């Protein structure tokens, strides 16, 4: 599962937004509009990331269309500690790369 989490998060452009969504869904279920407001992101952006997470069995939903509530999947719940470790490592290495670019300019 660790390689899978690395691939969905660190290997993609939307890693930060997907990680923020996972963090929020750990606390409680949200619909897309609530997540967009909570994370201060565009509705369509959140909808896109939710679709990616849902396709990869990281989140699940109940309900239909606008009223659908999203939760972490059982698999993601079971691997949440791994997610946190991977996300922390990704952020740390990402910050180091940004610092290298800042010094080079």
C-alpha atoms as a PDB file:
ATOM      1  CA  UNK A   1       0.000   0.000   0.000  1.00  0.00           C
ATOM      2  CA  UNK A   2       2.907   2.396   0.678  1.00  0.00           C
ATOM      3  CA  UNK A   3       4.003   2.364  -2.985  1.00  0.00           C
ATOM      4  CA  UNK A   4       0.412   2.994  -4.002  1.00  0.00           C
ATOM      5  CA  UNK A   5       0.117   5.996  -1.649  1.00  0.00           C
ATOM      6  CA  UNK A   6       3.434   7.373  -2.917  1.00  0.00           C
ATOM      7  CA  UNK A   7       2.162   7.063  -6.478  1.00  0.00           C
ATOM      8  CA  UNK A   8      -1.157   8.824  -5.841  1.00  0.00           C
ATOM      9  CA  UNK A   9       0.352  11.610  -3.766  1.00  0.00           C
ATOM     10  CA  UNK A  10       3.997  12.206  -4.477  1.00  0.00           C
ATOM     11  CA  UNK A  11       3.848  11.149  -8.093  1.00  0.00           C
ATOM     12  CA  UNK A  12       1.144  13.610  -9.076  1.00  0.00           C
ATOM     13  CA  UNK A  13       0.657  17.319  -9.566  1.00  0.00           C
ATOM     14  CA  UNK A  14      -2.341  17.527  -7.203  1.00  0.00           C
ATOM     15  CA  UNK A  15      -0.630  15.848  -4.257  1.00  0.00           C
ATOM     16  CA  UNK A  16      -1.102  18.719  -1.814  1.00  0.00           C
ATOM     17  CA  UNK A  17      -4.818  19.066  -2.470  1.00  0.00           C
ATOM     18  CA  UNK A  18      -5.393  15.320  -2.320  1.00  0.00           C
ATOM     19  CA  UNK A  19      -3.523  15.071   0.976  1.00  0.00           C
ATOM     20  CA  UNK A  20      -5.534  17.961   2.426  1.00  0.00           C
ATOM     21  CA  UNK A  21      -8.761  16.243   1.377  1.00  0.00           C
ATOM     22  CA  UNK A  22      -7.663  12.970   2.990  1.00  0.00           C
ATOM     23  CA  UNK A  23      -6.769  14.820   6.196  1.00  0.00           C
ATOM     24  CA  UNK A  24     -10.179  16.486   6.348  1.00  0.00           C
ATOM     25  CA  UNK A  25     -12.054  13.269   5.627  1.00  0.00           C
ATOM     26  CA  UNK A  26     -10.185  11.575   8.474  1.00  0.00           C
ATOM     27  CA  UNK A  27     -12.005  13.909  10.861  1.00  0.00           C
ATOM     28  CA  UNK A  28     -15.530  13.637   9.440  1.00  0.00           C
ATOM     29  CA  UNK A  29     -17.479  13.131   6.201  1.00  0.00           C
ATOM     30  CA  UNK A  30     -17.999  16.079   3.853  1.00  0.00           C
ATOM     31  CA  UNK A  31     -19.720  16.717   0.561  1.00  0.00           C
ATOM     32  CA  UNK A  32     -17.707  18.368  -2.224  1.00  0.00           C
ATOM     33  CA  UNK A  33     -19.092  21.833  -1.536  1.00  0.00           C
ATOM     34  CA  UNK A  34     -18.237  21.616   2.173  1.00  0.00           C
ATOM     35  CA  UNK A  35     -14.714  20.453   1.357  1.00  0.00           C
ATOM     36  CA  UNK A  36     -14.273  23.290  -1.141  1.00  0.00           C
ATOM     37  CA  UNK A  37     -15.286  25.827   1.493  1.00  0.00           C
ATOM     38  CA  UNK A  38     -13.220  24.225   4.259  1.00  0.00           C
ATOM     39  CA  UNK A  39     -10.079  23.994   2.098  1.00  0.00           C
ATOM     40  CA  UNK A  40     -10.699  27.298   0.288  1.00  0.00           C
ATOM     41  CA  UNK A  41     -10.511  25.589  -3.102  1.00  0.00           C
ATOM     42  CA  UNK A  42     -12.656  25.779  -6.204  1.00  0.00           C
ATOM     43  CA  UNK A  43     -15.555  23.294  -6.274  1.00  0.00           C
ATOM     44  CA  UNK A  44     -14.379  21.800  -9.593  1.00  0.00           C
ATOM     45  CA  UNK A  45     -10.868  21.312  -8.223  1.00  0.00           C
ATOM     46  CA  UNK A  46     -12.174  19.396  -5.220  1.00  0.00           C
ATOM     47  CA  UNK A  47     -14.541  17.367  -7.416  1.00  0.00           C
ATOM     48  CA  UNK A  48     -11.623  16.375  -9.660  1.00  0.00           C
ATOM     49  CA  UNK A  49      -9.467  15.246  -6.726  1.00  0.00           C
ATOM     50  CA  UNK A  50     -12.366  13.382  -5.117  1.00  0.00           C
ATOM     51  CA  UNK A  51     -12.883  11.485  -8.391  1.00  0.00           C
ATOM     52  CA  UNK A  52      -9.187  10.534  -8.474  1.00  0.00           C
ATOM     53  CA  UNK A  53      -9.272   9.390  -4.850  1.00  0.00           C
ATOM     54  CA  UNK A  54     -12.516   7.486  -5.395  1.00  0.00           C
ATOM     55  CA  UNK A  55     -11.178   5.742  -8.544  1.00  0.00           C
ATOM     56  CA  UNK A  56      -8.190   4.634  -6.499  1.00  0.00           C
ATOM     57  CA  UNK A  57     -10.327   3.342  -3.612  1.00  0.00           C
ATOM     58  CA  UNK A  58      -8.988   5.886  -1.152  1.00  0.00           C
ATOM     59  CA  UNK A  59     -12.386   7.473  -0.524  1.00  0.00           C
ATOM     60  CA  UNK A  60     -15.934   6.210  -0.751  1.00  0.00           C
ATOM     61  CA  UNK A  61     -19.287   7.977  -0.883  1.00  0.00           C
ATOM     62  CA  UNK A  62     -22.883   7.659   0.175  1.00  0.00           C
ATOM     63  CA  UNK A  63     -25.699   9.426  -1.571  1.00  0.00           C
ATOM     64  CA  UNK A  64     -25.909  10.835  -5.063  1.00  0.00           C
ATOM     65  CA  UNK A  65     -24.736  13.933  -6.904  1.00  0.00           C
ATOM     66  CA  UNK A  66     -24.551  17.167  -4.871  1.00  0.00           C
ATOM     67  CA  UNK A  67     -25.562  15.575  -1.573  1.00  0.00           C
ATOM     68  CA  UNK A  68     -23.034  12.741  -1.664  1.00  0.00           C
ATOM     69  CA  UNK A  69     -20.942  12.517   1.468  1.00  0.00           C
ATOM     70  CA  UNK A  70     -17.362  11.313   1.171  1.00  0.00           C
ATOM     71  CA  UNK A  71     -15.479   9.198   3.696  1.00  0.00           C
ATOM     72  CA  UNK A  72     -12.079   7.565   3.776  1.00  0.00           C
ATOM     73  CA  UNK A  73     -12.317   4.012   2.482  1.00  0.00           C
ATOM     74  CA  UNK A  74     -11.722   1.178   4.937  1.00  0.00           C
ATOM     75  CA  UNK A  75      -8.410   0.503   3.175  1.00  0.00           C
ATOM     76  CA  UNK A  76      -7.334   4.136   3.613  1.00  0.00           C
ATOM     77  CA  UNK A  77      -8.426   4.136   7.259  1.00  0.00           C
ATOM     78  CA  UNK A  78      -6.296   1.050   7.865  1.00  0.00           C
ATOM     79  CA  UNK A  79      -3.292   2.689   6.187  1.00  0.00           C
ATOM     80  CA  UNK A  80      -3.735   6.231   7.494  1.00  0.00           C
ATOM     81  CA  UNK A  81      -0.537   6.078   9.584  1.00  0.00           C
ATOM     82  CA  UNK A  82       1.418   5.113   6.457  1.00  0.00           C
ATOM     83  CA  UNK A  83      -0.222   7.995   4.603  1.00  0.00           C
ATOM     84  CA  UNK A  84       0.890  10.443   7.299  1.00  0.00           C
ATOM     85  CA  UNK A  85       4.473   9.163   7.215  1.00  0.00           C
ATOM     86  CA  UNK A  86       4.625   9.316   3.419  1.00  0.00           C
ATOM     87  CA  UNK A  87       3.044  12.756   3.317  1.00  0.00           C
ATOM     88  CA  UNK A  88       5.501  14.099   5.903  1.00  0.00           C
ATOM     89  CA  UNK A  89       8.451  12.671   3.954  1.00  0.00           C
ATOM     90  CA  UNK A  90       7.100  14.130   0.699  1.00  0.00           C
ATOM     91  CA  UNK A  91       6.641  17.592   2.235  1.00  0.00           C
ATOM     92  CA  UNK A  92      10.103  17.500   3.773  1.00  0.00           C
ATOM     93  CA  UNK A  93      11.788  16.541   0.495  1.00  0.00           C
ATOM     94  CA  UNK A  94       9.650  19.043  -1.426  1.00  0.00           C
ATOM     95  CA  UNK A  95      10.701  21.842   0.949  1.00  0.00           C
ATOM     96  CA  UNK A  96      14.362  20.903   0.466  1.00  0.00           C
ATOM     97  CA  UNK A  97      13.983  21.136  -3.331  1.00  0.00           C
ATOM     98  CA  UNK A  98      12.283  24.541  -3.022  1.00  0.00           C
ATOM     99  CA  UNK A  99      15.085  25.770  -0.749  1.00  0.00           C
ATOM    100  CA  UNK A 100      17.682  24.670  -3.326  1.00  0.00           C
ATOM    101  CA  UNK A 101      15.908  26.660  -6.040  1.00  0.00           C
ATOM    102  CA  UNK A 102      15.675  29.717  -3.775  1.00  0.00           C
ATOM    103  CA  UNK A 103      19.418  29.654  -3.155  1.00  0.00           C
ATOM    104  CA  UNK A 104      20.163  29.200  -6.845  1.00  0.00           C
ATOM    105  CA  UNK A 105      18.232  32.342  -7.882  1.00  0.00           C
END
